[in-house]
Protein backbone atom coordinates (compact mmCIF):
# COMPACT_ATOMS: atom_id res chain seq x y z
CA MET A 1 -0.01 -0.11 -0.10
CA LYS A 2 1.50 3.20 -1.03
CA GLY A 3 1.60 6.50 1.20
CA ILE A 4 1.96 4.73 4.35
CA SER A 5 5.08 4.29 6.73
CA TYR A 6 5.76 2.35 9.87
CA ASP A 7 9.14 4.10 10.35
CA VAL A 8 7.85 6.45 13.38
CA ARG A 9 9.75 8.23 16.04
CA ILE A 10 8.18 10.23 18.68
CA HIS A 11 10.01 12.63 20.73
CA GLY A 12 9.20 14.17 24.36
CA ILE A 13 7.47 17.34 25.10
CA GLU A 14 9.19 20.78 24.91
CA LYS A 15 8.27 23.67 27.09
CA ARG A 16 8.02 26.84 25.11
CA LYS A 17 8.70 29.89 27.18
CA ASN A 18 8.60 33.52 26.47
CA ALA A 19 11.42 36.21 27.11
CA ALA A 20 10.18 36.29 30.81
CA GLY A 21 10.83 32.79 31.19
CA VAL A 22 7.19 31.84 31.61
CA VAL A 23 5.82 28.67 30.06
CA THR A 24 3.43 29.71 27.16
CA SER A 25 2.91 26.58 25.36
CA TYR A 26 4.05 22.90 24.84
CA ARG A 27 5.14 21.47 21.68
CA LEU A 28 5.43 17.78 20.67
CA SER A 29 7.47 16.74 17.70
CA TRP A 30 7.74 13.37 16.07
CA LYS A 31 9.18 12.04 12.84
CA VAL A 32 7.56 9.93 10.05
CA SER A 33 10.00 8.58 7.49
CA GLY A 34 12.46 10.98 8.67
CA THR A 35 9.99 14.02 8.05
CA THR A 36 9.53 16.03 11.20
CA TRP A 37 6.08 17.00 12.56
CA LYS A 38 5.31 19.39 15.40
CA GLU A 39 2.00 20.19 17.28
CA LYS A 40 1.83 23.00 19.70
CA PHE A 41 -0.66 22.84 22.68
CA SER A 42 -1.76 25.26 25.63
CA THR A 43 -1.36 22.91 28.24
CA ALA A 44 0.89 19.98 29.33
CA ALA A 45 -1.81 17.57 29.80
CA GLN A 46 -3.21 18.34 26.28
CA ALA A 47 0.28 17.69 24.80
CA ASP A 48 0.71 14.41 26.97
CA ALA A 49 -2.64 13.16 25.91
CA PHE A 50 -1.90 13.75 22.14
CA ARG A 51 1.46 11.97 22.58
CA SER A 52 -0.01 9.05 24.25
CA GLU A 53 -2.36 8.30 21.38
CA LEU A 54 0.63 8.60 19.01
CA MET A 55 2.55 5.98 21.07
CA THR A 56 -0.55 3.69 21.25
CA ALA A 57 -1.11 3.86 17.57
CA ALA A 58 2.64 3.19 16.94
CA ARG A 59 2.76 0.32 19.41
CA ARG A 60 -0.23 -1.49 17.79
CA GLY A 61 1.65 -1.35 14.57
CA GLU A 62 -0.67 0.92 12.91
CA PRO A 63 0.51 2.57 9.66
CA PHE A 64 1.10 6.35 9.58
CA SER A 65 0.77 8.76 6.73
CA PRO A 66 3.99 10.53 5.53
CA ALA A 67 1.76 13.21 3.90
CA THR A 68 -0.02 14.18 7.43
CA GLY A 69 2.49 12.70 9.89
CA GLN A 70 -0.63 10.79 11.68
CA PRO A 71 -2.06 7.42 11.81
CA VAL A 72 -3.87 6.52 8.71
CA SER A 73 -6.86 5.75 10.89
CA TRP A 74 -6.82 9.34 11.75
CA GLN A 75 -8.41 10.24 8.27
CA ARG A 76 -8.91 13.85 7.83
CA GLU A 77 -12.19 15.13 8.44
CA ASP A 78 -12.84 16.58 5.19
CA GLU A 79 -12.17 13.26 3.73
CA LYS A 80 -14.90 11.27 5.45
CA PRO A 81 -18.46 12.02 6.54
CA VAL A 82 -18.86 14.46 9.49
CA LEU A 83 -19.56 12.61 12.83
CA THR A 84 -21.93 14.77 14.75
CA TRP A 85 -22.69 14.66 18.45
CA TYR A 86 -26.04 13.18 18.18
CA ALA A 87 -24.73 10.12 15.79
CA PHE A 88 -21.91 9.81 18.35
CA THR A 89 -24.25 9.47 21.26
CA LEU A 90 -26.23 6.82 19.27
CA GLN A 91 -23.00 4.73 18.54
CA TYR A 92 -21.99 5.03 22.49
CA VAL A 93 -25.61 3.79 23.61
CA GLU A 94 -25.48 1.04 21.21
CA ALA A 95 -22.06 -0.05 22.47
CA LYS A 96 -23.09 0.28 26.26
CA TRP A 97 -26.85 -1.00 26.33
CA PRO A 98 -26.37 -4.61 26.37
CA TYR A 99 -23.97 -4.51 29.48
CA ALA A 100 -26.11 -1.79 31.46
CA SER A 101 -28.60 -2.33 33.99
CA PRO A 102 -32.08 -0.53 33.13
CA ASN A 103 -31.29 2.18 35.82
CA HIS A 104 -27.85 2.81 34.40
CA ARG A 105 -29.34 2.90 30.90
CA ARG A 106 -31.71 5.66 32.19
CA GLY A 107 -28.75 7.52 33.69
CA ILE A 108 -27.00 7.44 30.63
CA ALA A 109 -29.85 8.80 28.54
CA GLU A 110 -30.40 11.50 31.01
CA ALA A 111 -26.78 12.69 30.89
CA LEU A 112 -26.67 12.44 27.00
CA THR A 113 -30.05 14.28 26.62
CA ASP A 114 -28.79 17.06 28.73
CA ALA A 115 -25.43 17.36 26.88
CA THR A 116 -27.21 17.27 23.63
CA GLU A 117 -29.38 20.27 24.43
CA ALA A 118 -26.08 22.23 24.99
CA LEU A 119 -24.75 21.05 21.62
CA LEU A 120 -27.43 21.94 19.38
CA THR A 121 -26.66 24.30 16.40
CA ASP A 122 -30.09 25.57 16.35
CA THR A 123 -33.56 24.54 17.28
CA ASP A 124 -35.60 25.46 14.05
CA GLY A 125 -38.61 26.33 16.11
CA TYR A 126 -38.74 22.92 17.84
CA SER A 127 -39.77 23.03 21.61
CA ARG A 128 -37.54 22.08 24.15
CA GLU A 129 -39.99 19.39 25.41
CA ALA A 130 -40.28 17.90 21.88
CA ILE A 131 -36.52 17.82 21.25
CA ARG A 132 -36.03 16.02 24.62
CA ALA A 133 -38.70 13.44 24.08
CA ALA A 134 -37.26 12.67 20.65
CA LEU A 135 -33.83 12.19 22.40
CA ARG A 136 -35.37 9.94 25.12
CA TRP A 137 -36.97 7.86 22.21
CA SER A 138 -33.70 7.70 20.44
CA TYR A 139 -31.68 6.36 23.33
CA SER A 140 -34.54 4.11 24.60
CA SER A 141 -35.15 2.52 21.21
CA ARG A 142 -31.48 1.21 21.13
CA ILE A 143 -32.48 -1.64 23.48
CA ARG A 144 -34.97 -3.11 21.31
CA ASP A 145 -35.98 -2.93 17.60
CA CYS A 146 -38.69 -0.37 18.08
CA GLY A 147 -39.20 0.20 14.23
CA ARG A 148 -39.75 3.95 13.22
CA PRO A 149 -40.34 6.57 15.85
CA PRO A 150 -43.96 8.00 16.54
CA ALA A 151 -44.98 10.35 13.82
CA GLU A 152 -44.73 13.39 15.86
CA LEU A 153 -41.24 12.66 16.72
CA SER A 154 -39.98 11.32 13.45
CA GLY A 155 -39.26 14.85 11.93
CA ILE A 156 -37.31 15.82 14.95
CA ILE A 157 -35.02 12.75 14.86
CA ASP A 158 -34.04 13.29 11.23
CA TRP A 159 -33.49 16.76 11.83
CA LEU A 160 -31.26 16.09 14.97
CA GLU A 161 -28.83 14.12 12.79
CA SER A 162 -27.60 17.08 11.09
CA HIS A 163 -28.21 19.77 13.78
CA THR A 164 -25.78 18.92 16.65
CA THR A 165 -22.16 19.93 16.93
CA PRO A 166 -19.65 18.18 14.86
CA MET A 167 -17.23 16.03 17.12
CA SER A 168 -14.34 17.60 15.56
CA ALA A 169 -15.24 20.76 16.88
CA LEU A 170 -14.71 19.50 20.56
CA ALA A 171 -11.17 18.80 19.79
CA GLU A 172 -10.34 22.16 18.35
CA SER A 173 -8.31 24.32 20.72
CA GLY A 174 -10.31 26.96 22.74
CA LYS A 175 -13.56 26.03 20.83
CA GLY A 176 -13.62 22.62 22.48
CA ALA A 177 -13.20 23.84 25.87
CA LEU A 178 -15.79 26.46 25.46
CA LEU A 179 -18.18 23.99 24.19
CA MET A 180 -17.48 21.65 27.10
CA ARG A 181 -18.13 24.61 29.61
CA GLY A 182 -21.75 24.79 28.26
CA VAL A 183 -22.13 21.22 28.64
CA LEU A 184 -20.97 21.03 32.37
CA ALA A 185 -22.96 24.39 33.08
CA ARG A 186 -26.20 22.21 31.60
CA ILE A 187 -25.72 18.89 33.61
CA THR A 188 -25.22 20.86 36.82
CA GLN A 189 -28.75 22.52 36.43
CA THR A 190 -32.25 21.05 36.53
CA LYS A 191 -34.53 21.61 33.51
CA ASP A 192 -36.00 24.64 35.49
CA GLY A 193 -32.50 26.18 35.67
CA LYS A 194 -32.03 25.57 39.34
CA PRO A 195 -28.85 23.97 40.78
CA ALA A 196 -29.17 20.18 40.28
CA ALA A 197 -28.22 17.89 43.40
CA ALA A 198 -24.45 17.07 43.56
CA ASN A 199 -24.86 13.46 43.05
CA THR A 200 -26.86 13.99 39.96
CA ALA A 201 -24.24 16.32 38.50
CA ASN A 202 -21.39 14.12 39.36
CA ARG A 203 -23.11 10.93 37.88
CA LYS A 204 -23.68 12.78 34.53
CA ARG A 205 -20.21 13.93 34.20
CA MET A 206 -18.86 10.45 34.93
CA VAL A 207 -21.14 9.27 31.89
CA LEU A 208 -19.70 11.85 29.50
CA ASN A 209 -16.21 11.31 30.68
CA ASN A 210 -16.67 7.55 30.02
CA ALA A 211 -18.24 8.57 26.50
CA MET A 212 -15.27 10.84 25.49
CA GLU A 213 -12.92 8.11 26.50
CA ILE A 214 -13.91 5.75 23.75
CA GLY A 215 -11.32 7.10 21.26
CA VAL A 216 -13.37 9.11 18.59
CA LEU A 217 -11.24 12.18 19.48
CA PRO A 218 -7.40 12.39 19.95
CA LEU A 219 -8.06 13.73 23.55
CA ASN A 220 -10.79 13.84 25.77
CA PRO A 221 -12.11 17.61 25.98
CA LEU A 222 -13.55 17.47 29.15
CA LYS A 223 -10.16 17.20 30.69
CA THR A 224 -9.31 20.53 29.13
CA VAL A 225 -11.81 22.26 31.34
CA LYS A 226 -11.19 22.88 34.82
CA TRP A 227 -14.20 21.81 36.59
CA THR A 228 -14.96 21.82 40.55
CA LYS A 229 -16.60 18.59 41.54
CA PRO A 230 -19.84 19.50 43.55
CA ARG A 231 -19.63 18.26 47.15
CA THR A 232 -22.08 15.40 48.04
CA LEU A 233 -23.64 14.37 51.13
CA THR A 234 -22.31 10.84 51.90
CA THR A 235 -23.63 10.39 55.52
CA ILE A 236 -27.15 9.66 56.68
CA ASP A 237 -28.77 12.29 58.60
CA PRO A 238 -29.42 10.98 62.22
CA ARG A 239 -32.93 13.24 62.01
CA VAL A 240 -34.29 10.76 59.40
CA VAL A 241 -33.92 7.61 61.68
CA ILE A 242 -36.96 6.57 63.47
CA ASN A 243 -36.88 4.31 66.82
CA ILE A 244 -38.85 1.29 67.56
CA HIS A 245 -41.68 3.16 69.15
CA GLN A 246 -42.01 5.38 66.07
CA ALA A 247 -41.79 2.29 63.65
CA ARG A 248 -44.70 0.45 65.62
CA ARG A 249 -46.70 3.55 65.44
CA PHE A 250 -46.26 3.82 61.82
CA LEU A 251 -47.10 0.12 61.02
CA THR A 252 -50.16 0.32 63.13
CA ALA A 253 -51.14 3.19 60.79
CA VAL A 254 -50.36 1.34 57.57
CA GLU A 255 -52.37 -1.62 58.86
CA ALA A 256 -55.65 0.96 59.85
CA HIS A 257 -55.06 2.57 56.43
CA SER A 258 -57.05 0.47 54.16
CA GLU A 259 -57.18 -3.09 52.63
CA ARG A 260 -54.19 -2.21 50.68
CA GLY A 261 -52.55 -0.87 53.82
CA ARG A 262 -53.21 -4.26 55.37
CA ARG A 263 -51.06 -6.01 52.73
CA MET A 264 -48.10 -3.74 53.17
CA LYS A 265 -47.62 -3.75 56.94
CA ALA A 266 -45.22 -6.67 56.51
CA PHE A 267 -43.86 -5.00 53.38
CA PHE A 268 -42.65 -1.95 55.36
CA ALA A 269 -41.61 -4.24 58.33
CA CYS A 270 -39.08 -6.04 56.00
CA MET A 271 -37.36 -2.77 55.55
CA TYR A 272 -37.25 -1.74 59.23
CA PHE A 273 -36.63 -4.97 60.66
CA ALA A 274 -34.27 -6.70 58.10
CA ALA A 275 -32.88 -3.53 56.29
CA LEU A 276 -34.10 -4.71 52.87
CA ARG A 277 -34.22 -2.37 49.96
CA PRO A 278 -37.59 -1.70 48.47
CA GLU A 279 -36.66 -3.56 45.36
CA GLU A 280 -35.68 -6.51 47.57
CA VAL A 281 -38.96 -6.53 49.22
CA VAL A 282 -40.75 -6.35 45.94
CA ASP A 283 -38.92 -9.86 44.94
CA LEU A 284 -39.18 -11.51 48.24
CA ARG A 285 -40.73 -15.20 47.81
CA GLU A 286 -41.72 -17.70 50.05
CA CYS A 287 -38.83 -19.94 49.20
CA HIS A 288 -36.36 -17.15 50.45
CA LEU A 289 -38.03 -17.69 53.94
CA ILE A 290 -35.30 -20.33 55.20
CA SER A 291 -36.69 -20.59 58.75
CA LEU A 292 -39.73 -18.72 60.12
CA PRO A 293 -40.09 -20.16 63.89
CA GLU A 294 -42.72 -18.74 66.35
CA ASN A 295 -41.21 -16.64 69.15
CA ASP A 296 -37.62 -17.01 67.90
CA TRP A 297 -35.12 -15.50 65.08
CA GLY A 298 -35.71 -16.87 61.73
CA GLN A 299 -33.58 -16.44 58.36
CA MET A 300 -34.26 -15.35 54.81
CA ARG A 301 -31.89 -15.91 51.78
CA LEU A 302 -32.25 -13.26 49.36
CA THR A 303 -31.31 -14.06 45.91
CA ASN A 304 -32.53 -11.33 43.42
CA ALA A 305 -34.15 -7.81 43.23
CA GLU A 306 -36.60 -6.02 41.08
CA PRO A 307 -35.62 -2.47 40.82
CA ARG A 308 -37.84 -0.09 39.22
CA ALA A 309 -36.29 1.59 36.09
CA GLY A 310 -39.53 2.13 33.90
CA SER A 311 -40.66 0.14 30.70
CA ARG A 312 -38.58 2.27 28.44
CA TRP A 313 -35.21 1.08 29.86
CA THR A 314 -35.77 -2.63 30.50
CA ASN A 315 -35.33 -5.54 27.98
CA SER A 316 -38.78 -7.00 28.77
CA GLY A 317 -40.57 -3.70 28.42
CA LYS A 318 -41.74 -4.10 31.87
CA VAL A 319 -41.62 -1.46 34.55
CA ARG A 320 -39.56 -3.66 36.78
CA GLU A 321 -36.87 -6.35 35.69
CA ARG A 322 -35.46 -9.17 37.87
CA ARG A 323 -31.88 -8.77 38.41
CA GLU A 324 -28.77 -9.93 40.66
CA LEU A 325 -28.64 -8.28 44.29
CA LYS A 326 -27.18 -5.13 44.19
CA HIS A 327 -23.26 -5.00 44.63
CA ARG A 328 -23.48 -8.79 44.21
CA ALA A 329 -22.45 -11.07 41.24
CA HIS A 330 -25.14 -12.84 39.33
CA GLY A 331 -26.07 -16.03 41.38
CA GLU A 332 -24.69 -14.78 44.81
CA THR A 333 -27.05 -14.69 47.66
CA ARG A 334 -27.33 -12.73 51.15
CA SER A 335 -28.48 -14.08 54.15
CA VAL A 336 -30.62 -11.82 56.56
CA PRO A 337 -32.08 -12.60 60.29
CA ILE A 338 -35.74 -12.22 60.50
CA HIS A 339 -36.62 -10.61 63.76
CA PRO A 340 -39.16 -12.31 65.92
CA GLU A 341 -41.66 -9.51 65.32
CA LEU A 342 -40.97 -9.51 61.53
CA GLY A 343 -41.39 -13.36 61.53
CA SER A 344 -44.88 -12.99 63.35
CA LEU A 345 -45.90 -10.27 60.68
CA LEU A 346 -44.75 -12.69 57.73
CA ARG A 347 -46.69 -15.61 58.99
CA GLU A 348 -49.78 -13.67 59.54
CA HIS A 349 -49.55 -12.01 56.00
CA ILE A 350 -48.96 -15.33 54.16
CA ARG A 351 -51.73 -16.81 56.30
CA GLN A 352 -54.16 -14.02 55.28
CA PHE A 353 -53.27 -13.23 51.78
CA GLY A 354 -51.42 -16.06 50.61
CA THR A 355 -48.60 -15.79 47.84
CA GLY A 356 -48.65 -14.80 43.91
CA PRO A 357 -46.88 -16.04 40.85
CA GLY A 358 -43.66 -17.50 41.53
CA GLY A 359 -44.27 -17.64 45.26
CA CYS A 360 -44.14 -13.56 45.75
CA ILE A 361 -44.93 -12.73 49.07
CA PHE A 362 -46.24 -9.24 48.46
CA ILE A 363 -48.82 -8.86 45.62
CA GLY A 364 -51.54 -6.29 45.24
CA PRO A 365 -55.32 -7.08 45.67
CA ARG A 366 -55.39 -7.88 41.86
CA GLY A 367 -52.39 -10.35 42.01
CA GLY A 368 -49.72 -8.16 40.54
CA LEU A 369 -46.65 -6.78 42.28
CA MET A 370 -46.57 -3.96 44.62
CA THR A 371 -46.02 -0.65 42.54
CA ASP A 372 -44.32 2.42 43.64
CA ARG A 373 -47.50 4.52 43.32
CA ALA A 374 -49.54 2.23 45.60
CA TYR A 375 -47.12 1.82 48.35
CA LEU A 376 -45.63 5.54 48.22
CA LYS A 377 -49.41 6.87 48.55
CA VAL A 378 -50.11 4.47 51.85
CA PHE A 379 -46.43 5.28 52.99
CA HIS A 380 -47.05 9.22 53.20
CA GLU A 381 -50.44 8.97 54.58
CA ALA A 382 -49.86 6.53 57.22
CA ARG A 383 -46.64 8.58 58.19
CA ALA A 384 -48.92 11.66 58.40
CA LYS A 385 -51.55 9.80 60.81
CA ALA A 386 -48.59 7.97 63.04
CA PHE A 387 -46.24 11.09 63.49
CA THR A 388 -47.10 14.09 65.80
CA GLU A 389 -47.07 17.41 63.97
CA ALA A 390 -43.53 18.29 64.86
CA GLU A 391 -42.39 14.70 63.45
CA ALA A 392 -44.48 15.00 60.38
CA ASN A 393 -42.79 18.24 59.53
CA SER A 394 -39.37 17.05 60.03
CA PRO A 395 -37.20 15.04 57.89
CA LEU A 396 -37.94 11.84 60.10
CA MET A 397 -38.64 8.86 57.82
CA ALA A 398 -39.36 11.17 54.82
CA VAL A 399 -39.09 8.48 52.58
CA PRO A 400 -39.51 4.57 52.61
CA TYR A 401 -35.73 4.01 52.22
CA ALA A 402 -35.24 5.70 55.68
CA LEU A 403 -36.75 2.55 57.17
CA ARG A 404 -33.54 0.69 56.01
CA HIS A 405 -31.34 3.24 57.46
CA ALA A 406 -33.13 2.92 60.78
CA ALA A 407 -32.61 -0.93 60.91
CA VAL A 408 -28.89 -0.61 59.89
CA SER A 409 -28.45 2.27 62.50
CA THR A 410 -30.55 -0.10 65.00
CA TRP A 411 -27.97 -2.82 64.46
CA LEU A 412 -24.88 -0.59 64.91
CA ASN A 413 -26.17 0.98 68.07
CA ALA A 414 -27.00 -2.55 69.45
CA GLY A 415 -23.31 -3.38 69.24
CA VAL A 416 -23.40 -5.80 66.43
CA PRO A 417 -20.00 -5.90 64.95
CA ALA A 418 -19.55 -3.67 61.61
CA PRO A 419 -18.59 -6.52 59.33
CA GLN A 420 -21.68 -8.60 60.50
CA VAL A 421 -24.04 -5.41 59.90
CA ALA A 422 -22.46 -4.95 56.26
CA GLU A 423 -23.00 -8.55 55.44
CA TRP A 424 -26.64 -8.37 56.36
CA ALA A 425 -27.08 -5.02 54.93
CA GLY A 426 -25.50 -5.86 51.65
CA HIS A 427 -22.53 -3.42 51.14
CA SER A 428 -18.80 -3.15 52.37
CA VAL A 429 -17.67 -2.18 55.92
CA ALA A 430 -16.02 0.96 54.29
CA VAL A 431 -19.67 2.17 53.13
CA LEU A 432 -20.90 1.33 56.31
CA HIS A 433 -18.71 3.44 58.19
CA ARG A 434 -18.72 6.29 55.86
CA VAL A 435 -22.60 6.40 55.41
CA TYR A 436 -23.72 5.59 58.98
CA ALA A 437 -20.95 7.35 61.00
CA LYS A 438 -23.35 10.00 62.32
CA CYS A 439 -26.09 7.42 63.29
CA VAL A 440 -24.04 5.73 65.89
CA HIS A 441 -25.06 7.07 69.07
CA GLY A 442 -23.09 6.98 72.62
CA GLN A 443 -19.64 7.03 71.45
CA ASP A 444 -19.21 10.85 71.89
CA LYS A 445 -19.91 10.67 75.31
CA GLU A 446 -17.38 7.48 75.83
CA ALA A 447 -14.75 9.58 73.89
CA MET A 448 -15.34 12.65 76.05
CA ARG A 449 -15.11 10.69 79.20
CA ARG A 450 -11.86 9.18 78.26
CA ILE A 451 -10.53 12.77 77.11
CA TRP A 452 -11.54 13.99 80.72
CA ASP A 453 -9.88 11.22 82.46
CA ALA A 454 -6.56 11.62 80.46
CA THR A 455 -6.71 15.47 81.18
CA ARG A 456 -7.26 15.50 84.67
CA SER A 457 -4.55 16.45 87.09
């Protein structure tokens, strides 16, 4: 093949200084078939990233072009079709979807949708909501063969293919950084322009960074922008944790709520007494109850969970999809003790309501799985009934997940060793200490007593 060379020599990075000795740029030089090529960069990171790309290509044995000094695979942009941001995102989700969980798919789509908003070249009169709807369909349709989009979105999707920023623009010096600043500004805001939660902004930034690292561009444009990572709250607020008396008041209110509430008393009790996640309670089956003796501790062995992601993001098209336990490999299980009080509630629940398909313990009146909408309605109305006005107006157990937090906090304060608590709860000891550090009571007084004893004369 003519016009290629494997004779490549890549040199080090040279600092360029002005008369005052201040570094103004960084220059990389390399040779292809004896011809020297040079590129100038504004930062050392950019120069190092470009050099790494050249080195990787040379080590892989890729041919270089003596006419451009670059790997042949880096064909000139004007010699090949322009790859737009929108087309790039479709390629990215096509690669990621088979290996991503439904909730992760939804998170990726949210990040790409926000970023695409910031990289539109114009809107041509389309409304923001219409464009976002078209993007959501584009990303969710990669999971299954959905055919043509709905008629109301078809024109927008065709339009998107040529009305987002070319990927090559993201690699341009100066322009790329400016575009990335716009993207980062967008993901740190909600649709209403208010500051987004720190966890949300950080998660979306991680998605975009992963997308940029797949090698379409010579360097990751996000790394050319200095971005201060929003601080996230990693510890549980002790004010959300209920005690056993409040828990019993709440469960009584759930039972008194309605027929549906009676079906949910043991459902919520599994979160409080066994620290189960909502998606784990939804999947709880009779075969998971290894032992359920009267007036004694029992045991359950969890095998799966059914997190809610939405029908748009699951392979089956259902709202929930059965998966392995969180932070566990496929086929791995988790044993959890059954408190005698919870055991009594479970026995009564099965006696009164039986089980559903596959032995599911918690089913609705019509035989279907417990839905978020159903149990959230009962949760909030029972909470308002069970708590005093001051309690109801506080952060105390504001969401169902707080029942799990209360269970883990209770185990820790009861003196159960951290490794055992972590095993029952289904996460690592490091996460346990970090997340529940503020929920362990009594240690501060003991610490102050020791300091007092050490400093008394």
